[in-house]
């Protein structure tokens, strides 16, 4: 916990292992989902009260975002599937990803460019 006015965040590469959990503790053990949700909600209430331009997002919402943004950026769907650890690409594309306005605009622009080359 940061006790000074200026907090410095550091990343430990010892914790960044292939089998590490996103919500693991310092020993690599999985934390309770309920405990993580309570911790997330408590911190999110604080930050949204301080910065009223931020919107509340759930941990599940972060998961949806993490599956959608790579697809929006043109990342191959198989890569996007592996990021959240889905067993099938169908889960990623049908359940967790959403068609965003950026994706729609890109599709229209690419289609128009293709027609212009015909």
N, C-alpha and C. Protein backbone atom coordinates (compact mmCIF):
# COMPACT_ATOMS: atom_id res chain seq x y z
N UNK A 1 0.84 -1.19 0.00
CA UNK A 1 0.00 0.00 0.00
C UNK A 1 0.88 1.24 0.00
N UNK A 2 0.50 2.21 -0.74
CA UNK A 2 1.27 3.44 -0.86
C UNK A 2 0.93 4.36 0.30
N UNK A 3 1.92 4.77 1.05
CA UNK A 3 1.68 5.63 2.20
C UNK A 3 2.12 7.07 1.94
N UNK A 4 2.82 7.30 0.86
CA UNK A 4 3.26 8.66 0.56
C UNK A 4 2.27 9.32 -0.38
N UNK A 5 2.48 10.60 -0.62
CA UNK A 5 1.58 11.32 -1.53
C UNK A 5 1.79 10.89 -2.99
N UNK A 6 2.99 10.49 -3.31
CA UNK A 6 3.30 10.05 -4.67
C UNK A 6 3.58 8.55 -4.63
N UNK A 7 2.77 7.79 -5.32
CA UNK A 7 2.96 6.34 -5.37
C UNK A 7 3.72 5.97 -6.62
N UNK A 8 4.60 5.01 -6.48
CA UNK A 8 5.34 4.51 -7.63
C UNK A 8 4.97 3.05 -7.82
N UNK A 9 4.56 2.70 -9.01
CA UNK A 9 4.17 1.34 -9.31
C UNK A 9 5.33 0.62 -9.96
N UNK A 10 5.56 -0.59 -9.54
CA UNK A 10 6.62 -1.38 -10.12
C UNK A 10 6.05 -2.72 -10.57
N UNK A 11 6.63 -3.28 -11.60
CA UNK A 11 6.23 -4.59 -12.09
C UNK A 11 7.32 -5.57 -11.71
N UNK A 12 6.92 -6.67 -11.13
CA UNK A 12 7.88 -7.71 -10.79
C UNK A 12 7.83 -8.77 -11.87
N UNK A 13 8.93 -8.93 -12.58
CA UNK A 13 8.97 -9.93 -13.64
C UNK A 13 8.98 -11.34 -13.06
N UNK A 14 9.27 -11.46 -11.77
CA UNK A 14 9.20 -12.76 -11.12
C UNK A 14 7.75 -13.24 -11.05
N UNK A 15 6.82 -12.29 -10.97
CA UNK A 15 5.40 -12.64 -10.91
C UNK A 15 4.79 -12.82 -12.29
N UNK A 16 5.45 -12.33 -13.33
CA UNK A 16 4.92 -12.41 -14.69
C UNK A 16 5.34 -13.72 -15.33
N UNK A 17 4.70 -14.79 -14.91
CA UNK A 17 4.99 -16.12 -15.43
C UNK A 17 3.79 -16.62 -16.22
N UNK A 18 4.02 -17.57 -17.08
CA UNK A 18 2.94 -18.11 -17.93
C UNK A 18 1.80 -18.68 -17.09
N UNK A 19 2.12 -19.25 -15.94
CA UNK A 19 1.08 -19.88 -15.13
C UNK A 19 0.58 -18.98 -14.00
N UNK A 20 0.98 -17.70 -14.02
CA UNK A 20 0.55 -16.77 -12.97
C UNK A 20 -0.89 -16.33 -13.20
N UNK A 21 -1.62 -16.14 -12.11
CA UNK A 21 -2.99 -15.66 -12.18
C UNK A 21 -3.02 -14.14 -12.13
N UNK A 22 -3.96 -13.56 -12.84
CA UNK A 22 -4.11 -12.10 -12.83
C UNK A 22 -4.41 -11.63 -11.41
N UNK A 23 -5.23 -12.38 -10.71
CA UNK A 23 -5.62 -12.00 -9.36
C UNK A 23 -4.95 -12.88 -8.32
N UNK A 24 -3.74 -13.25 -8.57
CA UNK A 24 -2.99 -14.05 -7.62
C UNK A 24 -2.35 -13.17 -6.56
N UNK A 25 -1.97 -13.80 -5.45
CA UNK A 25 -1.28 -13.07 -4.41
C UNK A 25 0.23 -13.14 -4.66
N UNK A 26 1.02 -12.61 -3.75
CA UNK A 26 2.47 -12.58 -3.94
C UNK A 26 3.09 -13.97 -4.00
N UNK A 27 2.39 -14.97 -3.45
CA UNK A 27 2.89 -16.34 -3.49
C UNK A 27 2.40 -17.10 -4.71
N UNK A 28 1.60 -16.42 -5.57
CA UNK A 28 1.09 -17.06 -6.77
C UNK A 28 -0.19 -17.83 -6.55
N UNK A 29 -0.75 -17.75 -5.35
CA UNK A 29 -2.00 -18.46 -5.06
C UNK A 29 -3.18 -17.62 -5.52
N UNK A 30 -4.21 -18.29 -5.98
CA UNK A 30 -5.40 -17.61 -6.46
C UNK A 30 -6.17 -16.99 -5.31
N UNK A 31 -6.59 -15.75 -5.48
CA UNK A 31 -7.39 -15.08 -4.46
C UNK A 31 -8.85 -15.44 -4.65
N UNK A 32 -9.63 -15.30 -3.60
CA UNK A 32 -11.06 -15.57 -3.64
C UNK A 32 -11.75 -14.60 -4.59
N UNK A 33 -12.62 -15.09 -5.50
CA UNK A 33 -13.34 -14.18 -6.40
C UNK A 33 -14.16 -13.13 -5.64
N UNK A 34 -14.80 -13.53 -4.55
CA UNK A 34 -15.58 -12.57 -3.77
C UNK A 34 -14.70 -11.49 -3.17
N UNK A 35 -13.53 -11.89 -2.67
CA UNK A 35 -12.60 -10.92 -2.09
C UNK A 35 -12.11 -9.95 -3.16
N UNK A 36 -11.83 -10.45 -4.35
CA UNK A 36 -11.37 -9.57 -5.43
C UNK A 36 -12.47 -8.62 -5.87
N UNK A 37 -13.70 -9.10 -5.94
CA UNK A 37 -14.81 -8.24 -6.34
C UNK A 37 -15.01 -7.13 -5.32
N UNK A 38 -14.97 -7.48 -4.02
CA UNK A 38 -15.12 -6.47 -2.98
C UNK A 38 -13.99 -5.44 -3.05
N UNK A 39 -12.77 -5.90 -3.23
CA UNK A 39 -11.61 -5.01 -3.31
C UNK A 39 -11.75 -4.09 -4.53
N UNK A 40 -12.12 -4.66 -5.67
CA UNK A 40 -12.30 -3.89 -6.90
C UNK A 40 -13.39 -2.83 -6.71
N UNK A 41 -14.55 -3.25 -6.17
CA UNK A 41 -15.66 -2.31 -5.97
C UNK A 41 -15.27 -1.17 -5.04
N UNK A 42 -14.56 -1.47 -3.97
CA UNK A 42 -14.14 -0.45 -3.01
C UNK A 42 -13.21 0.57 -3.67
N UNK A 43 -12.25 0.09 -4.43
CA UNK A 43 -11.31 1.01 -5.09
C UNK A 43 -11.98 1.78 -6.21
N UNK A 44 -12.88 1.12 -6.91
CA UNK A 44 -13.57 1.79 -8.01
C UNK A 44 -14.48 2.90 -7.49
N UNK A 45 -15.15 2.69 -6.38
CA UNK A 45 -15.98 3.74 -5.78
C UNK A 45 -15.14 4.95 -5.43
N UNK A 46 -13.95 4.70 -4.90
CA UNK A 46 -13.07 5.81 -4.54
C UNK A 46 -12.64 6.58 -5.77
N UNK A 47 -12.18 5.88 -6.80
CA UNK A 47 -11.65 6.57 -7.98
C UNK A 47 -12.75 7.26 -8.78
N UNK A 48 -13.94 6.67 -8.88
CA UNK A 48 -15.02 7.34 -9.63
C UNK A 48 -15.56 8.54 -8.87
N UNK A 49 -15.46 8.53 -7.55
CA UNK A 49 -15.86 9.70 -6.77
C UNK A 49 -14.85 10.83 -6.96
N UNK A 50 -13.59 10.48 -7.06
CA UNK A 50 -12.53 11.48 -7.22
C UNK A 50 -12.50 12.02 -8.65
N UNK A 51 -12.70 11.16 -9.62
CA UNK A 51 -12.66 11.54 -11.03
C UNK A 51 -14.01 11.21 -11.64
N UNK A 52 -14.91 12.18 -11.63
CA UNK A 52 -16.29 11.90 -12.07
C UNK A 52 -16.43 11.67 -13.56
N UNK A 53 -15.33 11.77 -14.32
CA UNK A 53 -15.41 11.47 -15.75
C UNK A 53 -15.23 9.99 -16.04
N UNK A 54 -14.80 9.24 -15.04
CA UNK A 54 -14.62 7.79 -15.22
C UNK A 54 -15.93 7.07 -14.98
N UNK A 55 -16.14 6.00 -15.72
CA UNK A 55 -17.34 5.21 -15.58
C UNK A 55 -17.04 3.95 -14.78
N UNK A 56 -18.04 3.48 -14.07
CA UNK A 56 -17.89 2.26 -13.30
C UNK A 56 -17.85 1.07 -14.26
N UNK A 57 -16.92 0.19 -14.04
CA UNK A 57 -16.81 -1.02 -14.85
C UNK A 57 -16.54 -2.20 -13.92
N UNK A 58 -17.17 -3.30 -14.21
CA UNK A 58 -16.98 -4.50 -13.39
C UNK A 58 -15.77 -5.27 -13.89
N UNK A 59 -15.33 -6.23 -13.10
CA UNK A 59 -14.24 -7.09 -13.54
C UNK A 59 -14.68 -7.86 -14.80
N UNK A 60 -15.92 -8.27 -14.83
CA UNK A 60 -16.44 -8.95 -16.01
C UNK A 60 -16.41 -8.02 -17.22
N UNK A 61 -16.71 -6.75 -16.99
CA UNK A 61 -16.64 -5.76 -18.06
C UNK A 61 -15.23 -5.59 -18.60
N UNK A 62 -14.24 -5.67 -17.70
CA UNK A 62 -12.85 -5.61 -18.15
C UNK A 62 -12.52 -6.80 -19.04
N UNK A 63 -13.07 -7.96 -18.68
CA UNK A 63 -12.84 -9.17 -19.47
C UNK A 63 -13.44 -9.01 -20.87
N UNK A 64 -14.65 -8.46 -20.93
CA UNK A 64 -15.28 -8.22 -22.23
C UNK A 64 -14.44 -7.25 -23.06
N UNK A 65 -13.96 -6.19 -22.41
CA UNK A 65 -13.15 -5.20 -23.10
C UNK A 65 -11.86 -5.82 -23.60
N UNK A 66 -11.25 -6.65 -22.79
CA UNK A 66 -9.98 -7.27 -23.16
C UNK A 66 -10.15 -8.24 -24.33
N UNK A 67 -11.33 -8.78 -24.50
CA UNK A 67 -11.60 -9.65 -25.65
C UNK A 67 -11.99 -8.84 -26.89
N UNK A 68 -12.57 -7.66 -26.69
CA UNK A 68 -13.06 -6.85 -27.81
C UNK A 68 -11.98 -5.98 -28.43
N UNK A 69 -11.21 -5.28 -27.62
CA UNK A 69 -10.24 -4.32 -28.17
C UNK A 69 -9.20 -4.95 -29.10
N UNK A 70 -8.64 -6.11 -28.78
CA UNK A 70 -7.69 -6.69 -29.75
C UNK A 70 -8.35 -6.97 -31.10
N UNK A 71 -9.61 -7.42 -31.08
CA UNK A 71 -10.32 -7.66 -32.35
C UNK A 71 -10.52 -6.35 -33.08
N UNK A 72 -10.83 -5.29 -32.34
CA UNK A 72 -11.02 -3.96 -32.94
C UNK A 72 -9.73 -3.45 -33.57
N UNK A 73 -8.59 -3.81 -32.97
CA UNK A 73 -7.30 -3.38 -33.48
C UNK A 73 -6.80 -4.24 -34.63
N UNK A 74 -7.57 -5.26 -34.99
CA UNK A 74 -7.19 -6.12 -36.10
C UNK A 74 -6.32 -7.29 -35.70
N UNK A 75 -6.22 -7.56 -34.41
CA UNK A 75 -5.45 -8.72 -33.95
C UNK A 75 -6.18 -9.98 -34.39
N UNK A 76 -5.43 -10.97 -34.80
CA UNK A 76 -6.03 -12.23 -35.24
C UNK A 76 -6.91 -12.81 -34.12
N UNK A 77 -8.11 -13.29 -34.45
CA UNK A 77 -9.03 -13.82 -33.42
C UNK A 77 -8.43 -14.93 -32.54
N UNK A 78 -7.53 -15.75 -33.09
CA UNK A 78 -6.91 -16.81 -32.27
C UNK A 78 -6.05 -16.20 -31.16
N UNK A 79 -5.39 -15.11 -31.47
CA UNK A 79 -4.58 -14.42 -30.45
C UNK A 79 -5.52 -13.82 -29.40
N UNK A 80 -6.60 -13.19 -29.86
CA UNK A 80 -7.58 -12.62 -28.93
C UNK A 80 -8.20 -13.71 -28.06
N UNK A 81 -8.36 -14.90 -28.58
CA UNK A 81 -8.90 -16.03 -27.81
C UNK A 81 -7.97 -16.42 -26.67
N UNK A 82 -6.69 -16.43 -26.95
CA UNK A 82 -5.72 -16.87 -25.95
C UNK A 82 -5.54 -15.89 -24.81
N UNK A 83 -5.72 -14.59 -25.05
CA UNK A 83 -5.51 -13.58 -24.01
C UNK A 83 -6.36 -13.85 -22.77
N UNK A 84 -7.68 -14.04 -22.90
CA UNK A 84 -8.47 -14.35 -21.69
C UNK A 84 -8.49 -15.84 -21.35
N UNK A 85 -7.82 -16.65 -22.16
CA UNK A 85 -7.72 -18.08 -21.86
C UNK A 85 -8.93 -18.90 -22.26
N UNK A 86 -9.64 -18.48 -23.30
CA UNK A 86 -10.80 -19.25 -23.74
C UNK A 86 -10.36 -20.54 -24.42
N UNK A 87 -11.15 -21.60 -24.22
CA UNK A 87 -10.80 -22.88 -24.83
C UNK A 87 -11.15 -22.93 -26.31
N UNK A 88 -12.13 -22.15 -26.72
CA UNK A 88 -12.50 -22.12 -28.15
C UNK A 88 -12.63 -20.68 -28.63
N UNK A 89 -12.42 -20.51 -29.91
CA UNK A 89 -12.55 -19.18 -30.51
C UNK A 89 -14.02 -18.74 -30.53
N UNK A 90 -14.92 -19.71 -30.53
CA UNK A 90 -16.35 -19.40 -30.52
C UNK A 90 -16.73 -18.61 -29.28
N UNK A 91 -16.17 -18.96 -28.15
CA UNK A 91 -16.45 -18.23 -26.91
C UNK A 91 -16.03 -16.77 -27.07
N UNK A 92 -14.86 -16.56 -27.60
CA UNK A 92 -14.35 -15.20 -27.75
C UNK A 92 -15.21 -14.39 -28.70
N UNK A 93 -15.48 -14.94 -29.87
CA UNK A 93 -16.18 -14.16 -30.89
C UNK A 93 -17.68 -14.03 -30.65
N UNK A 94 -18.31 -15.05 -30.08
CA UNK A 94 -19.76 -15.00 -29.90
C UNK A 94 -20.22 -14.42 -28.57
N UNK A 95 -19.44 -14.63 -27.53
CA UNK A 95 -19.89 -14.22 -26.20
C UNK A 95 -19.19 -12.97 -25.70
N UNK A 96 -17.87 -12.92 -25.81
CA UNK A 96 -17.13 -11.84 -25.18
C UNK A 96 -16.84 -10.65 -26.07
N UNK A 97 -16.85 -10.83 -27.36
CA UNK A 97 -16.55 -9.69 -28.23
C UNK A 97 -17.84 -9.02 -28.66
N UNK A 98 -17.72 -7.75 -28.94
CA UNK A 98 -18.85 -6.95 -29.42
C UNK A 98 -18.40 -6.22 -30.67
N UNK A 99 -19.32 -6.00 -31.59
CA UNK A 99 -19.00 -5.20 -32.76
C UNK A 99 -19.10 -3.74 -32.32
N UNK A 100 -18.00 -3.04 -32.41
CA UNK A 100 -17.95 -1.65 -31.96
C UNK A 100 -18.14 -0.72 -33.15
N UNK A 101 -18.48 0.54 -32.90
CA UNK A 101 -18.59 1.51 -34.00
C UNK A 101 -17.29 1.63 -34.79
N UNK A 102 -16.15 1.49 -34.12
CA UNK A 102 -14.87 1.55 -34.82
C UNK A 102 -14.75 0.40 -35.81
N UNK A 103 -15.19 -0.80 -35.40
CA UNK A 103 -15.15 -1.95 -36.31
C UNK A 103 -16.07 -1.73 -37.50
N UNK A 104 -17.25 -1.19 -37.25
CA UNK A 104 -18.20 -0.94 -38.33
C UNK A 104 -17.63 0.08 -39.32
N UNK A 105 -17.06 1.17 -38.79
CA UNK A 105 -16.49 2.21 -39.65
C UNK A 105 -15.35 1.65 -40.49
N UNK A 106 -14.49 0.86 -39.86
CA UNK A 106 -13.37 0.26 -40.58
C UNK A 106 -13.86 -0.65 -41.69
N UNK A 107 -14.90 -1.44 -41.41
CA UNK A 107 -15.44 -2.35 -42.43
C UNK A 107 -16.00 -1.56 -43.62
N UNK A 108 -16.70 -0.47 -43.35
CA UNK A 108 -17.26 0.35 -44.42
C UNK A 108 -16.15 0.98 -45.24
N UNK A 109 -15.12 1.52 -44.57
CA UNK A 109 -14.01 2.15 -45.28
C UNK A 109 -13.26 1.14 -46.15
N UNK A 110 -13.02 -0.03 -45.63
CA UNK A 110 -12.30 -1.05 -46.39
C UNK A 110 -13.14 -1.53 -47.58
N UNK A 111 -14.45 -1.67 -47.36
CA UNK A 111 -15.34 -2.10 -48.43
C UNK A 111 -15.38 -1.05 -49.53
N UNK A 112 -15.49 0.21 -49.15
CA UNK A 112 -15.51 1.31 -50.13
C UNK A 112 -14.19 1.36 -50.90
N UNK A 113 -13.08 1.16 -50.21
CA UNK A 113 -11.77 1.17 -50.87
C UNK A 113 -11.67 0.00 -51.86
N UNK A 114 -12.21 -1.15 -51.48
CA UNK A 114 -12.20 -2.31 -52.35
C UNK A 114 -13.03 -2.04 -53.61
N UNK A 115 -14.21 -1.44 -53.44
CA UNK A 115 -15.05 -1.11 -54.60
C UNK A 115 -14.37 -0.09 -55.50
N UNK A 116 -13.63 0.82 -54.91
CA UNK A 116 -12.93 1.84 -55.70
C UNK A 116 -11.83 1.26 -56.56
N UNK A 117 -11.32 0.08 -56.17
CA UNK A 117 -10.26 -0.57 -56.94
C UNK A 117 -10.81 -1.46 -58.04
N UNK A 118 -12.12 -1.67 -58.05
CA UNK A 118 -12.72 -2.58 -59.03
C UNK A 118 -12.75 -1.99 -60.41
